[in-house]
Amino acid sequence: QVQLVESGGGLVQPGGSLRLSCAASGSIFGIYAMGWYRQAPGKQRELVAVFTRSGSTNYADSVKGRFTISRHNAKNTVYLQMNSLKPEDTAVYYCNALIGTDPNPRLPWGQGTQVTVSS
């Protein structure tokens, strides 16, 4: 079973930037699209960015223009560059695999990485 390991979170001031990484233990990008999700305290997990198999990207309205998802095939790693961070971006961030436009995750969740935006 492929495992996902997220990293790169931390504490950042509003307006700051972070780059998250998600390393997969196997070569899955040829099979799945990849997505970044987040879960804030007391809220449901939400999908915020998708990198499709064909290389196109999609974003939730709440992060559009501020977040960028990318993928490094040889490293089996997907990234999330987060700029102009806001306190409402505070959450645990997870990556997972998707099929087509179905937002349901296809692999076991990793441990996630905590992002805290606060002054």
PDB file of N, CA and C in Angstrom:
ATOM      1  N   GLN A   1       0.840  -1.190   0.000  1.00  0.00           N
ATOM      2  CA  GLN A   1       0.000   0.000   0.000  1.00  0.00           C
ATOM      3  C   GLN A   1       0.880   1.245   0.000  1.00  0.00           C
ATOM      4  N   VAL A   2       0.551   2.176  -0.888  1.00  0.00           N
ATOM      5  CA  VAL A   2       1.323   3.412  -0.965  1.00  0.00           C
ATOM      6  C   VAL A   2       1.070   4.249   0.283  1.00  0.00           C
ATOM      7  N   GLN A   3       2.156   4.804   0.810  1.00  0.00           N
ATOM      8  CA  GLN A   3       2.053   5.702   1.959  1.00  0.00           C
ATOM      9  C   GLN A   3       2.364   7.129   1.534  1.00  0.00           C
ATOM     10  N   LEU A   4       1.699   8.065   2.193  1.00  0.00           N
ATOM     11  CA  LEU A   4       1.879   9.489   1.921  1.00  0.00           C
ATOM     12  C   LEU A   4       2.443  10.147   3.170  1.00  0.00           C
ATOM     13  N   VAL A   5       3.474  10.973   2.980  1.00  0.00           N
ATOM     14  CA  VAL A   5       4.104  11.663   4.105  1.00  0.00           C
ATOM     15  C   VAL A   5       4.172  13.145   3.793  1.00  0.00           C
ATOM     16  N   GLU A   6       3.445  13.928   4.595  1.00  0.00           N
ATOM     17  CA  GLU A   6       3.416  15.373   4.412  1.00  0.00           C
ATOM     18  C   GLU A   6       4.439  16.042   5.320  1.00  0.00           C
ATOM     19  N   SER A   7       4.972  17.173   4.855  1.00  0.00           N
ATOM     20  CA  SER A   7       5.919  17.937   5.658  1.00  0.00           C
ATOM     21  C   SER A   7       5.902  19.393   5.212  1.00  0.00           C
ATOM     22  N   GLY A   8       6.562  20.240   5.996  1.00  0.00           N
ATOM     23  CA  GLY A   8       6.734  21.629   5.605  1.00  0.00           C
ATOM     24  C   GLY A   8       5.860  22.631   6.339  1.00  0.00           C
ATOM     25  N   GLY A   9       4.972  22.144   7.191  1.00  0.00           N
ATOM     26  CA  GLY A   9       4.115  23.061   7.926  1.00  0.00           C
ATOM     27  C   GLY A   9       4.883  23.820   8.996  1.00  0.00           C
ATOM     28  N   GLY A  10       4.187  24.745   9.648  1.00  0.00           N
ATOM     29  CA  GLY A  10       4.813  25.518  10.715  1.00  0.00           C
ATOM     30  C   GLY A  10       3.972  26.717  11.080  1.00  0.00           C
ATOM     31  N   LEU A  11       4.575  27.580  11.877  1.00  0.00           N
ATOM     32  CA  LEU A  11       3.936  28.820  12.314  1.00  0.00           C
ATOM     33  C   LEU A  11       4.440  29.957  11.433  1.00  0.00           C
ATOM     34  N   VAL A  12       3.509  30.719  10.878  1.00  0.00           N
ATOM     35  CA  VAL A  12       3.879  31.815   9.997  1.00  0.00           C
ATOM     36  C   VAL A  12       2.956  32.995  10.266  1.00  0.00           C
ATOM     37  N   GLN A  13       3.473  34.197  10.078  1.00  0.00           N
ATOM     38  CA  GLN A  13       2.664  35.392  10.278  1.00  0.00           C
ATOM     39  C   GLN A  13       1.735  35.617   9.085  1.00  0.00           C
ATOM     40  N   PRO A  14       0.634  36.305   9.305  1.00  0.00           N
ATOM     41  CA  PRO A  14      -0.239  36.647   8.173  1.00  0.00           C
ATOM     42  C   PRO A  14       0.549  37.359   7.078  1.00  0.00           C
ATOM     43  N   GLY A  15       0.259  36.971   5.834  1.00  0.00           N
ATOM     44  CA  GLY A  15       0.995  37.511   4.700  1.00  0.00           C
ATOM     45  C   GLY A  15       2.231  36.717   4.330  1.00  0.00           C
ATOM     46  N   GLY A  16       2.597  35.771   5.168  1.00  0.00           N
ATOM     47  CA  GLY A  16       3.784  34.971   4.909  1.00  0.00           C
ATOM     48  C   GLY A  16       3.547  33.825   3.949  1.00  0.00           C
ATOM     49  N   SER A  17       4.580  33.011   3.768  1.00  0.00           N
ATOM     50  CA  SER A  17       4.535  31.906   2.815  1.00  0.00           C
ATOM     51  C   SER A  17       5.070  30.625   3.444  1.00  0.00           C
ATOM     52  N   LEU A  18       4.565  29.519   2.938  1.00  0.00           N
ATOM     53  CA  LEU A  18       5.077  28.202   3.290  1.00  0.00           C
ATOM     54  C   LEU A  18       4.998  27.316   2.064  1.00  0.00           C
ATOM     55  N   ARG A  19       5.877  26.324   2.025  1.00  0.00           N
ATOM     56  CA  ARG A  19       5.823  25.330   0.956  1.00  0.00           C
ATOM     57  C   ARG A  19       5.687  23.949   1.586  1.00  0.00           C
ATOM     58  N   LEU A  20       4.593  23.292   1.296  1.00  0.00           N
ATOM     59  CA  LEU A  20       4.341  21.955   1.810  1.00  0.00           C
ATOM     60  C   LEU A  20       4.790  20.920   0.787  1.00  0.00           C
ATOM     61  N   SER A  21       5.219  19.766   1.294  1.00  0.00           N
ATOM     62  CA  SER A  21       5.615  18.650   0.444  1.00  0.00           C
ATOM     63  C   SER A  21       4.837  17.408   0.846  1.00  0.00           C
ATOM     64  N   CYS A  22       4.579  16.570  -0.132  1.00  0.00           N
ATOM     65  CA  CYS A  22       3.927  15.288   0.100  1.00  0.00           C
ATOM     66  C   CYS A  22       4.667  14.243  -0.717  1.00  0.00           C
ATOM     67  N   ALA A  23       5.332  13.339  -0.028  1.00  0.00           N
ATOM     68  CA  ALA A  23       6.093  12.293  -0.691  1.00  0.00           C
ATOM     69  C   ALA A  23       5.306  10.994  -0.675  1.00  0.00           C
ATOM     70  N   ALA A  24       5.167  10.398  -1.848  1.00  0.00           N
ATOM     71  CA  ALA A  24       4.499   9.108  -1.967  1.00  0.00           C
ATOM     72  C   ALA A  24       5.547   8.002  -2.014  1.00  0.00           C
ATOM     73  N   SER A  25       5.236   6.869  -1.414  1.00  0.00           N
ATOM     74  CA  SER A  25       6.207   5.773  -1.343  1.00  0.00           C
ATOM     75  C   SER A  25       6.273   4.971  -2.627  1.00  0.00           C
ATOM     76  N   GLY A  26       5.418   5.295  -3.598  1.00  0.00           N
ATOM     77  CA  GLY A  26       5.437   4.600  -4.869  1.00  0.00           C
ATOM     78  C   GLY A  26       5.076   5.547  -6.000  1.00  0.00           C
ATOM     79  N   SER A  27       5.199   5.040  -7.224  1.00  0.00           N
ATOM     80  CA  SER A  27       4.898   5.855  -8.407  1.00  0.00           C
ATOM     81  C   SER A  27       3.408   5.778  -8.706  1.00  0.00           C
ATOM     82  N   ILE A  28       2.713   6.817  -8.323  1.00  0.00           N
ATOM     83  CA  ILE A  28       1.256   6.802  -8.468  1.00  0.00           C
ATOM     84  C   ILE A  28       0.726   7.899  -9.377  1.00  0.00           C
ATOM     85  N   PHE A  29       1.596   8.806  -9.810  1.00  0.00           N
ATOM     86  CA  PHE A  29       1.104   9.956 -10.570  1.00  0.00           C
ATOM     87  C   PHE A  29       0.560   9.559 -11.932  1.00  0.00           C
ATOM     88  N   GLY A  30       0.977   8.422 -12.442  1.00  0.00           N
ATOM     89  CA  GLY A  30       0.435   7.944 -13.709  1.00  0.00           C
ATOM     90  C   GLY A  30      -0.953   7.350 -13.575  1.00  0.00           C
ATOM     91  N   ILE A  31      -1.356   7.115 -12.335  1.00  0.00           N
ATOM     92  CA  ILE A  31      -2.651   6.490 -12.080  1.00  0.00           C
ATOM     93  C   ILE A  31      -3.659   7.508 -11.555  1.00  0.00           C
ATOM     94  N   TYR A  32      -3.190   8.375 -10.671  1.00  0.00           N
ATOM     95  CA  TYR A  32      -4.087   9.263  -9.944  1.00  0.00           C
ATOM     96  C   TYR A  32      -3.779  10.729 -10.195  1.00  0.00           C
ATOM     97  N   ALA A  33      -4.810  11.556 -10.024  1.00  0.00           N
ATOM     98  CA  ALA A  33      -4.587  12.967  -9.768  1.00  0.00           C
ATOM     99  C   ALA A  33      -4.178  13.087  -8.300  1.00  0.00           C
ATOM    100  N   MET A  34      -3.592  14.209  -7.938  1.00  0.00           N
ATOM    101  CA  MET A  34      -3.186  14.427  -6.553  1.00  0.00           C
ATOM    102  C   MET A  34      -3.837  15.697  -6.027  1.00  0.00           C
ATOM    103  N   GLY A  35      -4.243  15.634  -4.776  1.00  0.00           N
ATOM    104  CA  GLY A  35      -4.908  16.781  -4.187  1.00  0.00           C
ATOM    105  C   GLY A  35      -4.356  17.122  -2.819  1.00  0.00           C
ATOM    106  N   TRP A  36      -4.481  18.375  -2.468  1.00  0.00           N
ATOM    107  CA  TRP A  36      -4.191  18.830  -1.104  1.00  0.00           C
ATOM    108  C   TRP A  36      -5.512  19.156  -0.430  1.00  0.00           C
ATOM    109  N   TYR A  37      -5.660  18.647   0.778  1.00  0.00           N
ATOM    110  CA  TYR A  37      -6.839  18.885   1.597  1.00  0.00           C
ATOM    111  C   TYR A  37      -6.395  19.609   2.866  1.00  0.00           C
ATOM    112  N   ARG A  38      -7.345  20.196   3.550  1.00  0.00           N
ATOM    113  CA  ARG A  38      -7.042  20.753   4.855  1.00  0.00           C
ATOM    114  C   ARG A  38      -8.232  20.572   5.785  1.00  0.00           C
ATOM    115  N   GLN A  39      -7.925  20.502   7.070  1.00  0.00           N
ATOM    116  CA  GLN A  39      -8.973  20.379   8.082  1.00  0.00           C
ATOM    117  C   GLN A  39      -8.671  21.320   9.221  1.00  0.00           C
ATOM    118  N   ALA A  40      -9.528  22.307   9.359  1.00  0.00           N
ATOM    119  CA  ALA A  40      -9.405  23.261  10.456  1.00  0.00           C
ATOM    120  C   ALA A  40     -10.147  22.710  11.673  1.00  0.00           C
ATOM    121  N   PRO A  41      -9.782  23.180  12.869  1.00  0.00           N
ATOM    122  CA  PRO A  41     -10.448  22.691  14.088  1.00  0.00           C
ATOM    123  C   PRO A  41     -11.957  22.864  14.018  1.00  0.00           C
ATOM    124  N   GLY A  42     -12.681  21.785  14.282  1.00  0.00           N
ATOM    125  CA  GLY A  42     -14.132  21.851  14.290  1.00  0.00           C
ATOM    126  C   GLY A  42     -14.793  21.878  12.930  1.00  0.00           C
ATOM    127  N   LYS A  43     -13.988  21.721  11.868  1.00  0.00           N
ATOM    128  CA  LYS A  43     -14.543  21.767  10.521  1.00  0.00           C
ATOM    129  C   LYS A  43     -14.251  20.481   9.770  1.00  0.00           C
ATOM    130  N   GLN A  44     -15.001  20.257   8.705  1.00  0.00           N
ATOM    131  CA  GLN A  44     -14.760  19.093   7.875  1.00  0.00           C
ATOM    132  C   GLN A  44     -13.531  19.297   7.005  1.00  0.00           C
ATOM    133  N   ARG A  45     -12.921  18.188   6.621  1.00  0.00           N
ATOM    134  CA  ARG A  45     -11.792  18.257   5.713  1.00  0.00           C
ATOM    135  C   ARG A  45     -12.279  18.736   4.349  1.00  0.00           C
ATOM    136  N   GLU A  46     -11.526  19.654   3.748  1.00  0.00           N
ATOM    137  CA  GLU A  46     -11.902  20.192   2.454  1.00  0.00           C
ATOM    138  C   GLU A  46     -10.748  20.075   1.462  1.00  0.00           C
ATOM    139  N   LEU A  47     -11.122  19.885   0.207  1.00  0.00           N
ATOM    140  CA  LEU A  47     -10.140  19.804  -0.875  1.00  0.00           C
ATOM    141  C   LEU A  47      -9.850  21.219  -1.362  1.00  0.00           C
ATOM    142  N   VAL A  48      -8.576  21.601  -1.378  1.00  0.00           N
ATOM    143  CA  VAL A  48      -8.231  22.973  -1.752  1.00  0.00           C
ATOM    144  C   VAL A  48      -7.466  23.078  -3.059  1.00  0.00           C
ATOM    145  N   ALA A  49      -6.796  22.020  -3.486  1.00  0.00           N
ATOM    146  CA  ALA A  49      -6.026  22.109  -4.726  1.00  0.00           C
ATOM    147  C   ALA A  49      -5.881  20.720  -5.339  1.00  0.00           C
ATOM    148  N   VAL A  50      -5.926  20.687  -6.669  1.00  0.00           N
ATOM    149  CA  VAL A  50      -5.799  19.421  -7.399  1.00  0.00           C
ATOM    150  C   VAL A  50      -4.821  19.585  -8.546  1.00  0.00           C
ATOM    151  N   PHE A  51      -3.968  18.572  -8.731  1.00  0.00           N
ATOM    152  CA  PHE A  51      -3.091  18.486  -9.891  1.00  0.00           C
ATOM    153  C   PHE A  51      -3.544  17.256 -10.657  1.00  0.00           C
ATOM    154  N   THR A  52      -4.110  17.448 -11.837  1.00  0.00           N
ATOM    155  CA  THR A  52      -4.682  16.312 -12.559  1.00  0.00           C
ATOM    156  C   THR A  52      -3.596  15.494 -13.253  1.00  0.00           C
ATOM    157  N   ARG A  53      -3.969  14.341 -13.749  1.00  0.00           N
ATOM    158  CA  ARG A  53      -3.028  13.482 -14.467  1.00  0.00           C
ATOM    159  C   ARG A  53      -2.482  14.184 -15.705  1.00  0.00           C
ATOM    160  N   SER A  54      -3.298  15.019 -16.312  1.00  0.00           N
ATOM    161  CA  SER A  54      -2.870  15.705 -17.534  1.00  0.00           C
ATOM    162  C   SER A  54      -2.035  16.949 -17.261  1.00  0.00           C
ATOM    163  N   GLY A  55      -1.931  17.317 -15.983  1.00  0.00           N
ATOM    164  CA  GLY A  55      -1.093  18.451 -15.624  1.00  0.00           C
ATOM    165  C   GLY A  55      -1.833  19.748 -15.384  1.00  0.00           C
ATOM    166  N   SER A  56      -3.145  19.722 -15.473  1.00  0.00           N
ATOM    167  CA  SER A  56      -3.893  20.935 -15.162  1.00  0.00           C
ATOM    168  C   SER A  56      -4.117  21.030 -13.657  1.00  0.00           C
ATOM    169  N   THR A  57      -4.463  22.228 -13.202  1.00  0.00           N
ATOM    170  CA  THR A  57      -4.658  22.463 -11.778  1.00  0.00           C
ATOM    171  C   THR A  57      -6.022  23.095 -11.515  1.00  0.00           C
ATOM    172  N   ASN A  58      -6.547  22.815 -10.342  1.00  0.00           N
ATOM    173  CA  ASN A  58      -7.814  23.394  -9.906  1.00  0.00           C
ATOM    174  C   ASN A  58      -7.685  23.795  -8.452  1.00  0.00           C
ATOM    175  N   TYR A  59      -8.371  24.872  -8.091  1.00  0.00           N
ATOM    176  CA  TYR A  59      -8.258  25.392  -6.730  1.00  0.00           C
ATOM    177  C   TYR A  59      -9.625  25.762  -6.177  1.00  0.00           C
ATOM    178  N   ALA A  60      -9.743  25.613  -4.867  1.00  0.00           N
ATOM    179  CA  ALA A  60     -10.913  26.147  -4.193  1.00  0.00           C
ATOM    180  C   ALA A  60     -10.872  27.670  -4.265  1.00  0.00           C
ATOM    181  N   ASP A  61     -12.041  28.275  -4.279  1.00  0.00           N
ATOM    182  CA  ASP A  61     -12.100  29.742  -4.378  1.00  0.00           C
ATOM    183  C   ASP A  61     -11.342  30.416  -3.240  1.00  0.00           C
ATOM    184  N   SER A  62     -11.335  29.782  -2.084  1.00  0.00           N
ATOM    185  CA  SER A  62     -10.715  30.387  -0.901  1.00  0.00           C
ATOM    186  C   SER A  62      -9.196  30.514  -1.011  1.00  0.00           C
ATOM    187  N   VAL A  63      -8.583  29.745  -1.922  1.00  0.00           N
ATOM    188  CA  VAL A  63      -7.118  29.781  -2.030  1.00  0.00           C
ATOM    189  C   VAL A  63      -6.654  30.204  -3.420  1.00  0.00           C
ATOM    190  N   LYS A  64      -7.584  30.375  -4.335  1.00  0.00           N
ATOM    191  CA  LYS A  64      -7.228  30.710  -5.713  1.00  0.00           C
ATOM    192  C   LYS A  64      -6.435  32.011  -5.759  1.00  0.00           C
ATOM    193  N   GLY A  65      -5.336  31.980  -6.509  1.00  0.00           N
ATOM    194  CA  GLY A  65      -4.478  33.151  -6.624  1.00  0.00           C
ATOM    195  C   GLY A  65      -3.420  33.254  -5.549  1.00  0.00           C
ATOM    196  N   ARG A  66      -3.529  32.408  -4.511  1.00  0.00           N
ATOM    197  CA  ARG A  66      -2.547  32.441  -3.418  1.00  0.00           C
ATOM    198  C   ARG A  66      -1.769  31.136  -3.299  1.00  0.00           C
ATOM    199  N   PHE A  67      -2.405  30.027  -3.610  1.00  0.00           N
ATOM    200  CA  PHE A  67      -1.777  28.710  -3.496  1.00  0.00           C
ATOM    201  C   PHE A  67      -1.462  28.173  -4.890  1.00  0.00           C
ATOM    202  N   THR A  68      -0.371  27.417  -4.981  1.00  0.00           N
ATOM    203  CA  THR A  68       0.002  26.767  -6.233  1.00  0.00           C
ATOM    204  C   THR A  68       0.397  25.325  -5.959  1.00  0.00           C
ATOM    205  N   ILE A  69      -0.253  24.400  -6.648  1.00  0.00           N
ATOM    206  CA  ILE A  69       0.087  22.990  -6.521  1.00  0.00           C
ATOM    207  C   ILE A  69       0.996  22.606  -7.679  1.00  0.00           C
ATOM    208  N   SER A  70       1.996  21.784  -7.391  1.00  0.00           N
ATOM    209  CA  SER A  70       2.902  21.316  -8.429  1.00  0.00           C
ATOM    210  C   SER A  70       3.325  19.887  -8.099  1.00  0.00           C
ATOM    211  N   ARG A  71       4.016  19.277  -9.051  1.00  0.00           N
ATOM    212  CA  ARG A  71       4.360  17.858  -8.901  1.00  0.00           C
ATOM    213  C   ARG A  71       5.721  17.590  -9.489  1.00  0.00           C
ATOM    214  N   HIS A  72       6.506  16.759  -8.810  1.00  0.00           N
ATOM    215  CA  HIS A  72       7.799  16.327  -9.321  1.00  0.00           C
ATOM    216  C   HIS A  72       7.706  14.823  -9.519  1.00  0.00           C
ATOM    217  N   ASN A  73       7.575  14.406 -10.767  1.00  0.00           N
ATOM    218  CA  ASN A  73       7.315  12.989 -11.040  1.00  0.00           C
ATOM    219  C   ASN A  73       8.443  12.075 -10.571  1.00  0.00           C
ATOM    220  N   ALA A  74       9.668  12.456 -10.844  1.00  0.00           N
ATOM    221  CA  ALA A  74      10.796  11.589 -10.512  1.00  0.00           C
ATOM    222  C   ALA A  74      10.943  11.401  -9.000  1.00  0.00           C
ATOM    223  N   LYS A  75      10.502  12.392  -8.234  1.00  0.00           N
ATOM    224  CA  LYS A  75      10.607  12.311  -6.776  1.00  0.00           C
ATOM    225  C   LYS A  75       9.324  11.797  -6.131  1.00  0.00           C
ATOM    226  N   ASN A  76       8.310  11.509  -6.959  1.00  0.00           N
ATOM    227  CA  ASN A  76       7.017  11.070  -6.426  1.00  0.00           C
ATOM    228  C   ASN A  76       6.517  12.029  -5.350  1.00  0.00           C
ATOM    229  N   THR A  77       6.674  13.314  -5.600  1.00  0.00           N
ATOM    230  CA  THR A  77       6.360  14.325  -4.605  1.00  0.00           C
ATOM    231  C   THR A  77       5.451  15.394  -5.199  1.00  0.00           C
ATOM    232  N   VAL A  78       4.473  15.798  -4.423  1.00  0.00           N
ATOM    233  CA  VAL A  78       3.603  16.907  -4.805  1.00  0.00           C
ATOM    234  C   VAL A  78       3.790  18.023  -3.787  1.00  0.00           C
ATOM    235  N   TYR A  79       3.718  19.251  -4.253  1.00  0.00           N
ATOM    236  CA  TYR A  79       3.984  20.418  -3.413  1.00  0.00           C
ATOM    237  C   TYR A  79       2.762  21.330  -3.364  1.00  0.00           C
ATOM    238  N   LEU A  80       2.728  22.133  -2.328  1.00  0.00           N
ATOM    239  CA  LEU A  80       1.731  23.201  -2.241  1.00  0.00           C
ATOM    240  C   LEU A  80       2.447  24.462  -1.768  1.00  0.00           C
ATOM    241  N   GLN A  81       2.631  25.389  -2.690  1.00  0.00           N
ATOM    242  CA  GLN A  81       3.207  26.688  -2.350  1.00  0.00           C
ATOM    243  C   GLN A  81       2.071  27.589  -1.890  1.00  0.00           C
ATOM    244  N   MET A  82       2.192  28.089  -0.679  1.00  0.00           N
ATOM    245  CA  MET A  82       1.142  28.910  -0.092  1.00  0.00           C
ATOM    246  C   MET A  82       1.691  30.306   0.175  1.00  0.00           C
ATOM    247  N   ASN A  83       1.132  31.283  -0.479  1.00  0.00           N
ATOM    248  CA  ASN A  83       1.539  32.673  -0.317  1.00  0.00           C
ATOM    249  C   ASN A  83       0.391  33.494   0.261  1.00  0.00           C
ATOM    250  N   SER A  84       0.720  34.672   0.742  1.00  0.00           N
ATOM    251  CA  SER A  84      -0.293  35.588   1.299  1.00  0.00           C
ATOM    252  C   SER A  84      -1.207  34.863   2.284  1.00  0.00           C
ATOM    253  N   LEU A  85      -0.590  34.156   3.187  1.00  0.00           N
ATOM    254  CA  LEU A  85      -1.356  33.338   4.115  1.00  0.00           C
ATOM    255  C   LEU A  85      -2.209  34.183   5.047  1.00  0.00           C
ATOM    256  N   LYS A  86      -3.370  33.638   5.378  1.00  0.00           N
ATOM    257  CA  LYS A  86      -4.339  34.309   6.243  1.00  0.00           C
ATOM    258  C   LYS A  86      -4.591  33.436   7.479  1.00  0.00           C
ATOM    259  N   PRO A  87      -5.039  34.023   8.564  1.00  0.00           N
ATOM    260  CA  PRO A  87      -5.361  33.211   9.750  1.00  0.00           C
ATOM    261  C   PRO A  87      -6.349  32.085   9.439  1.00  0.00           C
ATOM    262  N   GLU A  88      -7.249  32.317   8.510  1.00  0.00           N
ATOM    263  CA  GLU A  88      -8.236  31.279   8.179  1.00  0.00           C
ATOM    264  C   GLU A  88      -7.640  30.119   7.392  1.00  0.00           C
ATOM    265  N   ASP A  89      -6.379  30.223   7.014  1.00  0.00           N
ATOM    266  CA  ASP A  89      -5.688  29.090   6.391  1.00  0.00           C
ATOM    267  C   ASP A  89      -5.153  28.119   7.430  1.00  0.00           C
ATOM    268  N   THR A  90      -5.244  28.458   8.691  1.00  0.00           N
ATOM    269  CA  THR A  90      -4.783  27.582   9.751  1.00  0.00           C
ATOM    270  C   THR A  90      -5.544  26.268   9.733  1.00  0.00           C
ATOM    271  N   ALA A  91      -4.796  25.167   9.629  1.00  0.00           N
ATOM    272  CA  ALA A  91      -5.401  23.847   9.514  1.00  0.00           C
ATOM    273  C   ALA A  91      -4.288  22.801   9.468  1.00  0.00           C
ATOM    274  N   VAL A  92      -4.689  21.544   9.570  1.00  0.00           N
ATOM    275  CA  VAL A  92      -3.798  20.444   9.243  1.00  0.00           C
ATOM    276  C   VAL A  92      -3.984  20.150   7.761  1.00  0.00           C
ATOM    277  N   TYR A  93      -2.878  20.096   7.037  1.00  0.00           N
ATOM    278  CA  TYR A  93      -2.911  19.892   5.598  1.00  0.00           C
ATOM    279  C   TYR A  93      -2.490  18.456   5.275  1.00  0.00           C
ATOM    280  N   TYR A  94      -3.254  17.851   4.382  1.00  0.00           N
ATOM    281  CA  TYR A  94      -3.021  16.478   3.954  1.00  0.00           C
ATOM    282  C   TYR A  94      -2.992  16.419   2.428  1.00  0.00           C
ATOM    283  N   CYS A  95      -2.293  15.439   1.891  1.00  0.00           N
ATOM    284  CA  CYS A  95      -2.421  15.166   0.461  1.00  0.00           C
ATOM    285  C   CYS A  95      -3.057  13.794   0.299  1.00  0.00           C
ATOM    286  N   ASN A  96      -3.586  13.561  -0.892  1.00  0.00           N
ATOM    287  CA  ASN A  96      -4.133  12.253  -1.203  1.00  0.00           C
ATOM    288  C   ASN A  96      -4.308  12.141  -2.704  1.00  0.00           C
ATOM    289  N   ALA A  97      -4.613  10.941  -3.140  1.00  0.00           N
ATOM    290  CA  ALA A  97      -4.816  10.642  -4.545  1.00  0.00           C
ATOM    291  C   ALA A  97      -6.303  10.691  -4.873  1.00  0.00           C
ATOM    292  N   LEU A  98      -6.596  11.133  -6.071  1.00  0.00           N
ATOM    293  CA  LEU A  98      -7.979  11.210  -6.530  1.00  0.00           C
ATOM    294  C   LEU A  98      -8.097  10.565  -7.915  1.00  0.00           C
ATOM    295  N   ILE A  99      -9.329  10.244  -8.275  1.00  0.00           N
ATOM    296  CA  ILE A  99      -9.603   9.753  -9.619  1.00  0.00           C
ATOM    297  C   ILE A  99     -10.559  10.728 -10.297  1.00  0.00           C
ATOM    298  N   GLY A 100     -10.110  11.296 -11.402  1.00  0.00           N
ATOM    299  CA  GLY A 100     -10.937  12.224 -12.152  1.00  0.00           C
ATOM    300  C   GLY A 100     -11.372  13.402 -11.308  1.00  0.00           C
ATOM    301  N   THR A 101     -12.652  13.710 -11.354  1.00  0.00           N
ATOM    302  CA  THR A 101     -13.199  14.831 -10.606  1.00  0.00           C
ATOM    303  C   THR A 101     -13.824  14.393  -9.278  1.00  0.00           C
ATOM    304  N   ASP A 102     -13.702  13.130  -8.948  1.00  0.00           N
ATOM    305  CA  ASP A 102     -14.228  12.629  -7.680  1.00  0.00           C
ATOM    306  C   ASP A 102     -13.320  13.060  -6.546  1.00  0.00           C
ATOM    307  N   PRO A 103     -13.799  13.883  -5.604  1.00  0.00           N
ATOM    308  CA  PRO A 103     -12.930  14.389  -4.535  1.00  0.00           C
ATOM    309  C   PRO A 103     -12.625  13.371  -3.440  1.00  0.00           C
ATOM    310  N   ASN A 104     -13.255  12.212  -3.499  1.00  0.00           N
ATOM    311  CA  ASN A 104     -13.009  11.233  -2.450  1.00  0.00           C
ATOM    312  C   ASN A 104     -11.590  10.693  -2.543  1.00  0.00           C
ATOM    313  N   PRO A 105     -10.879  10.655  -1.439  1.00  0.00           N
ATOM    314  CA  PRO A 105      -9.484  10.188  -1.446  1.00  0.00           C
ATOM    315  C   PRO A 105      -9.397   8.693  -1.688  1.00  0.00           C
ATOM    316  N   ARG A 106      -8.284   8.267  -2.297  1.00  0.00           N
ATOM    317  CA  ARG A 106      -8.138   6.875  -2.715  1.00  0.00           C
ATOM    318  C   ARG A 106      -7.116   6.097  -1.911  1.00  0.00           C
ATOM    319  N   LEU A 107      -6.359   6.767  -1.073  1.00  0.00           N
ATOM    320  CA  LEU A 107      -5.301   6.114  -0.297  1.00  0.00           C
ATOM    321  C   LEU A 107      -5.486   6.418   1.180  1.00  0.00           C
ATOM    322  N   PRO A 108      -4.847   5.632   2.045  1.00  0.00           N
ATOM    323  CA  PRO A 108      -4.888   5.956   3.476  1.00  0.00           C
ATOM    324  C   PRO A 108      -4.292   7.335   3.730  1.00  0.00           C
ATOM    325  N   TRP A 109      -4.862   8.043   4.693  1.00  0.00           N
ATOM    326  CA  TRP A 109      -4.346   9.362   5.016  1.00  0.00           C
ATOM    327  C   TRP A 109      -2.978   9.270   5.683  1.00  0.00           C
ATOM    328  N   GLY A 110      -2.138  10.257   5.387  1.00  0.00           N
ATOM    329  CA  GLY A 110      -0.900  10.411   6.128  1.00  0.00           C
ATOM    330  C   GLY A 110      -1.166  11.127   7.436  1.00  0.00           C
ATOM    331  N   GLN A 111      -0.090  11.542   8.095  1.00  0.00           N
ATOM    332  CA  GLN A 111      -0.236  12.201   9.394  1.00  0.00           C
ATOM    333  C   GLN A 111      -0.596  13.670   9.251  1.00  0.00           C
ATOM    334  N   GLY A 112      -0.425  14.218   8.061  1.00  0.00           N
ATOM    335  CA  GLY A 112      -0.703  15.626   7.844  1.00  0.00           C
ATOM    336  C   GLY A 112       0.415  16.507   8.379  1.00  0.00           C
ATOM    337  N   THR A 113       0.329  17.786   8.053  1.00  0.00           N
ATOM    338  CA  THR A 113       1.297  18.764   8.550  1.00  0.00           C
ATOM    339  C   THR A 113       0.532  20.011   8.988  1.00  0.00           C
ATOM    340  N   GLN A 114       0.838  20.488  10.190  1.00  0.00           N
ATOM    341  CA  GLN A 114       0.094  21.598  10.779  1.00  0.00           C
ATOM    342  C   GLN A 114       0.597  22.933  10.231  1.00  0.00           C
ATOM    343  N   VAL A 115      -0.341  23.751   9.781  1.00  0.00           N
ATOM    344  CA  VAL A 115      -0.041  25.117   9.369  1.00  0.00           C
ATOM    345  C   VAL A 115      -0.809  26.056  10.292  1.00  0.00           C
ATOM    346  N   THR A 116      -0.078  26.946  10.930  1.00  0.00           N
ATOM    347  CA  THR A 116      -0.688  27.925  11.821  1.00  0.00           C
ATOM    348  C   THR A 116      -0.300  29.323  11.356  1.00  0.00           C
ATOM    349  N   VAL A 117      -1.303  30.128  11.063  1.00  0.00           N
ATOM    350  CA  VAL A 117      -1.075  31.496  10.608  1.00  0.00           C
ATOM    351  C   VAL A 117      -1.547  32.434  11.712  1.00  0.00           C
ATOM    352  N   SER A 118      -0.577  33.070  12.343  1.00  0.00           N
ATOM    353  CA  SER A 118      -0.909  33.909  13.492  1.00  0.00           C
ATOM    354  C   SER A 118       0.199  34.925  13.726  1.00  0.00           C
ATOM    355  N   SER A 119      -0.188  36.090  14.213  1.00  0.00           N
ATOM    356  CA  SER A 119       0.804  37.095  14.582  1.00  0.00           C
ATOM    357  C   SER A 119       1.172  36.973  16.056  1.00  0.00           C
TER     358      SER A 119
END
